[in-house]
PDB file of N, CA and C in Angstrom:
ATOM      1  N   UNK A   1       0.847  -1.169   0.000  1.00  0.00           N
ATOM      2  CA  UNK A   1       0.000   0.000   0.000  1.00  0.00           C
ATOM      3  C   UNK A   1       0.895   1.235   0.000  1.00  0.00           C
ATOM      4  N   UNK A   2       0.693   2.127  -0.941  1.00  0.00           N
ATOM      5  CA  UNK A   2       1.428   3.381  -0.950  1.00  0.00           C
ATOM      6  C   UNK A   2       0.640   4.426  -0.183  1.00  0.00           C
ATOM      7  N   UNK A   3       1.355   5.273   0.506  1.00  0.00           N
ATOM      8  CA  UNK A   3       0.688   6.286   1.311  1.00  0.00           C
ATOM      9  C   UNK A   3       0.486   7.559   0.496  1.00  0.00           C
ATOM     10  N   UNK A   4      -0.705   8.148   0.572  1.00  0.00           N
ATOM     11  CA  UNK A   4      -0.950   9.420  -0.113  1.00  0.00           C
ATOM     12  C   UNK A   4      -0.091  10.530   0.486  1.00  0.00           C
ATOM     13  N   UNK A   5       0.030  11.631  -0.228  1.00  0.00           N
ATOM     14  CA  UNK A   5       0.854  12.746   0.230  1.00  0.00           C
ATOM     15  C   UNK A   5       0.383  13.305   1.565  1.00  0.00           C
ATOM     16  N   UNK A   6      -0.883  13.102   1.917  1.00  0.00           N
ATOM     17  CA  UNK A   6      -1.421  13.651   3.167  1.00  0.00           C
ATOM     18  C   UNK A   6      -0.855  12.948   4.396  1.00  0.00           C
ATOM     19  N   UNK A   7      -0.195  11.823   4.229  1.00  0.00           N
ATOM     20  CA  UNK A   7       0.334  11.079   5.370  1.00  0.00           C
ATOM     21  C   UNK A   7       1.661  11.698   5.801  1.00  0.00           C
ATOM     22  N   UNK A   8       1.730  12.088   7.060  1.00  0.00           N
ATOM     23  CA  UNK A   8       2.962  12.641   7.623  1.00  0.00           C
ATOM     24  C   UNK A   8       3.240  11.971   8.946  1.00  0.00           C
ATOM     25  N   UNK A   9       4.349  12.307   9.550  1.00  0.00           N
ATOM     26  CA  UNK A   9       4.702  11.759  10.860  1.00  0.00           C
ATOM     27  C   UNK A   9       3.644  12.111  11.906  1.00  0.00           C
ATOM     28  N   UNK A  10       3.060  13.290  11.798  1.00  0.00           N
ATOM     29  CA  UNK A  10       2.102  13.741  12.802  1.00  0.00           C
ATOM     30  C   UNK A  10       0.654  13.449  12.450  1.00  0.00           C
ATOM     31  N   UNK A  11       0.381  13.043  11.207  1.00  0.00           N
ATOM     32  CA  UNK A  11      -1.005  12.912  10.782  1.00  0.00           C
ATOM     33  C   UNK A  11      -1.127  11.801   9.743  1.00  0.00           C
ATOM     34  N   UNK A  12      -1.378  10.599  10.177  1.00  0.00           N
ATOM     35  CA  UNK A  12      -1.580   9.497   9.246  1.00  0.00           C
ATOM     36  C   UNK A  12      -3.010   9.591   8.739  1.00  0.00           C
ATOM     37  N   UNK A  13      -3.160  10.141   7.557  1.00  0.00           N
ATOM     38  CA  UNK A  13      -4.486  10.481   7.027  1.00  0.00           C
ATOM     39  C   UNK A  13      -4.610   9.930   5.620  1.00  0.00           C
ATOM     40  N   UNK A  14      -5.532   8.983   5.406  1.00  0.00           N
ATOM     41  CA  UNK A  14      -5.698   8.356   4.099  1.00  0.00           C
ATOM     42  C   UNK A  14      -6.733   9.045   3.225  1.00  0.00           C
ATOM     43  N   UNK A  15      -7.623   9.801   3.825  1.00  0.00           N
ATOM     44  CA  UNK A  15      -8.717  10.397   3.064  1.00  0.00           C
ATOM     45  C   UNK A  15      -8.403  11.784   2.547  1.00  0.00           C
ATOM     46  N   UNK A  16      -9.287  12.300   1.717  1.00  0.00           N
ATOM     47  CA  UNK A  16      -9.128  13.648   1.193  1.00  0.00           C
ATOM     48  C   UNK A  16      -9.915  14.653   2.021  1.00  0.00           C
ATOM     49  N   UNK A  17     -10.700  14.189   2.976  1.00  0.00           N
ATOM     50  CA  UNK A  17     -11.507  15.063   3.817  1.00  0.00           C
ATOM     51  C   UNK A  17     -10.909  15.104   5.225  1.00  0.00           C
ATOM     52  N   UNK A  18     -10.775  16.281   5.818  1.00  0.00           N
ATOM     53  CA  UNK A  18     -10.167  16.382   7.148  1.00  0.00           C
ATOM     54  C   UNK A  18     -10.880  15.571   8.225  1.00  0.00           C
ATOM     55  N   UNK A  19     -12.185  15.398   8.085  1.00  0.00           N
ATOM     56  CA  UNK A  19     -12.931  14.651   9.099  1.00  0.00           C
ATOM     57  C   UNK A  19     -13.067  13.172   8.751  1.00  0.00           C
ATOM     58  N   UNK A  20     -12.275  12.691   7.798  1.00  0.00           N
ATOM     59  CA  UNK A  20     -12.343  11.293   7.356  1.00  0.00           C
ATOM     60  C   UNK A  20     -10.927  10.732   7.213  1.00  0.00           C
ATOM     61  N   UNK A  21     -10.197  10.554   8.324  1.00  0.00           N
ATOM     62  CA  UNK A  21      -8.800  10.136   8.232  1.00  0.00           C
ATOM     63  C   UNK A  21      -8.590   8.739   7.658  1.00  0.00           C
ATOM     64  N   UNK A  22      -9.597   7.879   7.727  1.00  0.00           N
ATOM     65  CA  UNK A  22      -9.442   6.531   7.179  1.00  0.00           C
ATOM     66  C   UNK A  22      -9.794   6.446   5.710  1.00  0.00           C
ATOM     67  N   UNK A  23     -10.257   7.523   5.114  1.00  0.00           N
ATOM     68  CA  UNK A  23     -10.563   7.538   3.690  1.00  0.00           C
ATOM     69  C   UNK A  23     -11.816   6.774   3.320  1.00  0.00           C
ATOM     70  N   UNK A  24     -12.784   6.698   4.232  1.00  0.00           N
ATOM     71  CA  UNK A  24     -14.023   5.966   3.952  1.00  0.00           C
ATOM     72  C   UNK A  24     -14.751   6.582   2.762  1.00  0.00           C
ATOM     73  N   UNK A  25     -14.803   7.896   2.698  1.00  0.00           N
ATOM     74  CA  UNK A  25     -15.514   8.557   1.591  1.00  0.00           C
ATOM     75  C   UNK A  25     -14.897   8.238   0.241  1.00  0.00           C
ATOM     76  N   UNK A  26     -13.578   8.006   0.224  1.00  0.00           N
ATOM     77  CA  UNK A  26     -12.867   7.743  -1.026  1.00  0.00           C
ATOM     78  C   UNK A  26     -12.683   6.250  -1.307  1.00  0.00           C
ATOM     79  N   UNK A  27     -13.202   5.396  -0.463  1.00  0.00           N
ATOM     80  CA  UNK A  27     -12.982   3.953  -0.595  1.00  0.00           C
ATOM     81  C   UNK A  27     -13.671   3.410  -1.842  1.00  0.00           C
ATOM     82  N   UNK A  28     -12.910   2.706  -2.640  1.00  0.00           N
ATOM     83  CA  UNK A  28     -13.462   2.101  -3.842  1.00  0.00           C
ATOM     84  C   UNK A  28     -14.203   0.803  -3.574  1.00  0.00           C
ATOM     85  N   UNK A  29     -13.998   0.227  -2.403  1.00  0.00           N
ATOM     86  CA  UNK A  29     -14.654  -1.036  -2.069  1.00  0.00           C
ATOM     87  C   UNK A  29     -16.085  -0.815  -1.589  1.00  0.00           C
ATOM     88  N   UNK A  30     -16.252   0.087  -0.616  1.00  0.00           N
ATOM     89  CA  UNK A  30     -17.588   0.308  -0.049  1.00  0.00           C
ATOM     90  C   UNK A  30     -18.252   1.570  -0.602  1.00  0.00           C
ATOM     91  N   UNK A  31     -17.518   2.346  -1.395  1.00  0.00           N
ATOM     92  CA  UNK A  31     -18.022   3.587  -1.992  1.00  0.00           C
ATOM     93  C   UNK A  31     -18.555   4.560  -0.935  1.00  0.00           C
ATOM     94  N   UNK A  32     -17.823   4.657   0.176  1.00  0.00           N
ATOM     95  CA  UNK A  32     -18.161   5.623   1.209  1.00  0.00           C
ATOM     96  C   UNK A  32     -19.198   5.173   2.214  1.00  0.00           C
ATOM     97  N   UNK A  33     -19.615   3.921   2.145  1.00  0.00           N
ATOM     98  CA  UNK A  33     -20.646   3.434   3.062  1.00  0.00           C
ATOM     99  C   UNK A  33     -20.071   2.775   4.319  1.00  0.00           C
ATOM    100  N   UNK A  34     -18.816   2.367   4.285  1.00  0.00           N
ATOM    101  CA  UNK A  34     -18.132   1.680   5.391  1.00  0.00           C
ATOM    102  C   UNK A  34     -18.709   0.299   5.681  1.00  0.00           C
ATOM    103  N   UNK A  35     -19.604  -0.172   4.828  1.00  0.00           N
ATOM    104  CA  UNK A  35     -20.234  -1.488   5.002  1.00  0.00           C
ATOM    105  C   UNK A  35     -20.252  -2.203   3.655  1.00  0.00           C
ATOM    106  N   UNK A  36     -19.911  -3.492   3.678  1.00  0.00           N
ATOM    107  CA  UNK A  36     -19.978  -4.341   2.490  1.00  0.00           C
ATOM    108  C   UNK A  36     -20.656  -5.639   2.898  1.00  0.00           C
ATOM    109  N   UNK A  37     -21.724  -5.973   2.248  1.00  0.00           N
ATOM    110  CA  UNK A  37     -22.465  -7.210   2.553  1.00  0.00           C
ATOM    111  C   UNK A  37     -22.811  -7.313   4.039  1.00  0.00           C
ATOM    112  N   UNK A  38     -23.318  -6.234   4.599  1.00  0.00           N
ATOM    113  CA  UNK A  38     -23.766  -6.168   5.998  1.00  0.00           C
ATOM    114  C   UNK A  38     -22.638  -6.391   7.002  1.00  0.00           C
ATOM    115  N   UNK A  39     -21.401  -6.151   6.586  1.00  0.00           N
ATOM    116  CA  UNK A  39     -20.244  -6.273   7.475  1.00  0.00           C
ATOM    117  C   UNK A  39     -19.354  -5.048   7.258  1.00  0.00           C
ATOM    118  N   UNK A  40     -18.514  -4.726   8.237  1.00  0.00           N
ATOM    119  CA  UNK A  40     -17.602  -3.599   8.041  1.00  0.00           C
ATOM    120  C   UNK A  40     -16.738  -3.801   6.796  1.00  0.00           C
ATOM    121  N   UNK A  41     -16.502  -2.731   6.082  1.00  0.00           N
ATOM    122  CA  UNK A  41     -15.680  -2.787   4.871  1.00  0.00           C
ATOM    123  C   UNK A  41     -14.268  -3.261   5.235  1.00  0.00           C
ATOM    124  N   UNK A  42     -13.764  -4.303   4.575  1.00  0.00           N
ATOM    125  CA  UNK A  42     -12.439  -4.819   4.918  1.00  0.00           C
ATOM    126  C   UNK A  42     -11.319  -3.822   4.618  1.00  0.00           C
ATOM    127  N   UNK A  43     -11.452  -3.025   3.573  1.00  0.00           N
ATOM    128  CA  UNK A  43     -10.409  -2.049   3.255  1.00  0.00           C
ATOM    129  C   UNK A  43     -10.395  -0.904   4.254  1.00  0.00           C
ATOM    130  N   UNK A  44     -11.565  -0.410   4.629  1.00  0.00           N
ATOM    131  CA  UNK A  44     -11.638   0.650   5.638  1.00  0.00           C
ATOM    132  C   UNK A  44     -11.103   0.138   6.971  1.00  0.00           C
ATOM    133  N   UNK A  45     -11.443  -1.088   7.315  1.00  0.00           N
ATOM    134  CA  UNK A  45     -10.981  -1.696   8.559  1.00  0.00           C
ATOM    135  C   UNK A  45      -9.453  -1.817   8.550  1.00  0.00           C
ATOM    136  N   UNK A  46      -8.883  -2.239   7.407  1.00  0.00           N
ATOM    137  CA  UNK A  46      -7.429  -2.395   7.307  1.00  0.00           C
ATOM    138  C   UNK A  46      -6.719  -1.052   7.460  1.00  0.00           C
ATOM    139  N   UNK A  47      -7.275   0.000   6.861  1.00  0.00           N
ATOM    140  CA  UNK A  47      -6.674   1.321   7.020  1.00  0.00           C
ATOM    141  C   UNK A  47      -6.734   1.777   8.474  1.00  0.00           C
ATOM    142  N   UNK A  48      -7.845   1.508   9.150  1.00  0.00           N
ATOM    143  CA  UNK A  48      -7.955   1.869  10.565  1.00  0.00           C
ATOM    144  C   UNK A  48      -6.928   1.109  11.398  1.00  0.00           C
ATOM    145  N   UNK A  49      -6.720  -0.164  11.108  1.00  0.00           N
ATOM    146  CA  UNK A  49      -5.739  -0.959  11.842  1.00  0.00           C
ATOM    147  C   UNK A  49      -4.337  -0.410  11.638  1.00  0.00           C
ATOM    148  N   UNK A  50      -4.021   0.005  10.419  1.00  0.00           N
ATOM    149  CA  UNK A  50      -2.712   0.580  10.131  1.00  0.00           C
ATOM    150  C   UNK A  50      -2.528   1.888  10.889  1.00  0.00           C
ATOM    151  N   UNK A  51      -3.545   2.726  10.904  1.00  0.00           N
ATOM    152  CA  UNK A  51      -3.476   3.983  11.652  1.00  0.00           C
ATOM    153  C   UNK A  51      -3.318   3.709  13.146  1.00  0.00           C
ATOM    154  N   UNK A  52      -4.061   2.744  13.670  1.00  0.00           N
ATOM    155  CA  UNK A  52      -3.958   2.404  15.093  1.00  0.00           C
ATOM    156  C   UNK A  52      -2.553   1.910  15.440  1.00  0.00           C
ATOM    157  N   UNK A  53      -1.994   1.047  14.587  1.00  0.00           N
ATOM    158  CA  UNK A  53      -0.654   0.516  14.839  1.00  0.00           C
ATOM    159  C   UNK A  53       0.378   1.636  14.797  1.00  0.00           C
ATOM    160  N   UNK A  54       0.243   2.545  13.833  1.00  0.00           N
ATOM    161  CA  UNK A  54       1.166   3.675  13.750  1.00  0.00           C
ATOM    162  C   UNK A  54       1.062   4.525  15.016  1.00  0.00           C
ATOM    163  N   UNK A  55      -0.167   4.834  15.411  1.00  0.00           N
ATOM    164  CA  UNK A  55      -0.372   5.686  16.588  1.00  0.00           C
ATOM    165  C   UNK A  55       0.228   5.039  17.826  1.00  0.00           C
ATOM    166  N   UNK A  56      -0.047   3.756  18.021  1.00  0.00           N
ATOM    167  CA  UNK A  56       0.439   3.060  19.210  1.00  0.00           C
ATOM    168  C   UNK A  56       1.953   2.902  19.211  1.00  0.00           C
ATOM    169  N   UNK A  57       2.567   2.867  18.018  1.00  0.00           N
ATOM    170  CA  UNK A  57       4.011   2.679  17.936  1.00  0.00           C
ATOM    171  C   UNK A  57       4.776   3.974  17.739  1.00  0.00           C
ATOM    172  N   UNK A  58       4.125   5.103  17.796  1.00  0.00           N
ATOM    173  CA  UNK A  58       4.789   6.377  17.555  1.00  0.00           C
ATOM    174  C   UNK A  58       4.823   7.206  18.827  1.00  0.00           C
ATOM    175  N   UNK A  59       5.323   8.401  18.673  1.00  0.00           N
ATOM    176  CA  UNK A  59       5.329   9.313  19.819  1.00  0.00           C
ATOM    177  C   UNK A  59       4.026  10.099  19.893  1.00  0.00           C
ATOM    178  N   UNK A  60       3.063   9.775  19.062  1.00  0.00           N
ATOM    179  CA  UNK A  60       1.776  10.469  19.044  1.00  0.00           C
ATOM    180  C   UNK A  60       1.075  10.522  20.390  1.00  0.00           C
ATOM    181  N   UNK A  61       0.939   9.401  21.088  1.00  0.00           N
ATOM    182  CA  UNK A  61       0.261   9.454  22.393  1.00  0.00           C
ATOM    183  C   UNK A  61       0.944  10.385  23.379  1.00  0.00           C
ATOM    184  N   UNK A  62       2.271  10.392  23.402  1.00  0.00           N
ATOM    185  CA  UNK A  62       2.984  11.279  24.327  1.00  0.00           C
ATOM    186  C   UNK A  62       2.811  12.736  23.919  1.00  0.00           C
ATOM    187  N   UNK A  63       2.836  13.022  22.612  1.00  0.00           N
ATOM    188  CA  UNK A  63       2.600  14.398  22.151  1.00  0.00           C
ATOM    189  C   UNK A  63       1.209  14.865  22.560  1.00  0.00           C
ATOM    190  N   UNK A  64       0.228  13.971  22.463  1.00  0.00           N
ATOM    191  CA  UNK A  64      -1.133  14.329  22.864  1.00  0.00           C
ATOM    192  C   UNK A  64      -1.196  14.615  24.358  1.00  0.00           C
ATOM    193  N   UNK A  65      -0.568  13.754  25.157  1.00  0.00           N
ATOM    194  CA  UNK A  65      -0.561  13.982  26.613  1.00  0.00           C
ATOM    195  C   UNK A  65       0.094  15.323  26.939  1.00  0.00           C
ATOM    196  N   UNK A  66       1.218  15.621  26.283  1.00  0.00           N
ATOM    197  CA  UNK A  66       1.918  16.877  26.527  1.00  0.00           C
ATOM    198  C   UNK A  66       1.040  18.059  26.134  1.00  0.00           C
ATOM    199  N   UNK A  67       0.365  17.968  25.025  1.00  0.00           N
ATOM    200  CA  UNK A  67      -0.532  19.046  24.580  1.00  0.00           C
ATOM    201  C   UNK A  67      -1.648  19.258  25.579  1.00  0.00           C
ATOM    202  N   UNK A  68      -2.230  18.179  26.072  1.00  0.00           N
ATOM    203  CA  UNK A  68      -3.318  18.293  27.038  1.00  0.00           C
ATOM    204  C   UNK A  68      -2.837  18.900  28.348  1.00  0.00           C
ATOM    205  N   UNK A  69      -1.609  18.558  28.764  1.00  0.00           N
ATOM    206  CA  UNK A  69      -1.054  19.130  29.988  1.00  0.00           C
ATOM    207  C   UNK A  69      -0.869  20.639  29.864  1.00  0.00           C
ATOM    208  N   UNK A  70      -0.563  21.083  28.649  1.00  0.00           N
ATOM    209  CA  UNK A  70      -0.271  22.503  28.423  1.00  0.00           C
ATOM    210  C   UNK A  70      -1.516  23.346  28.182  1.00  0.00           C
ATOM    211  N   UNK A  71      -2.687  22.756  28.200  1.00  0.00           N
ATOM    212  CA  UNK A  71      -3.913  23.529  27.975  1.00  0.00           C
ATOM    213  C   UNK A  71      -4.281  24.369  29.181  1.00  0.00           C
TER     214      UNK A  71
END
């Protein structure tokens, strides 16, 4: 899987819409419905898993905690 230009160290974002980081609206499998044959779309699910793994393995959680502390 190649990452779109929108993917950066701070923002793993597959979609073209800011409120759709997993790219559900742009998904060619479910055509933006997030459901295929009454089950979650496998491609949307895979993108979410990749984002979750990146988040859990990056410094993202610590950056978020630091930001919240500074509010």
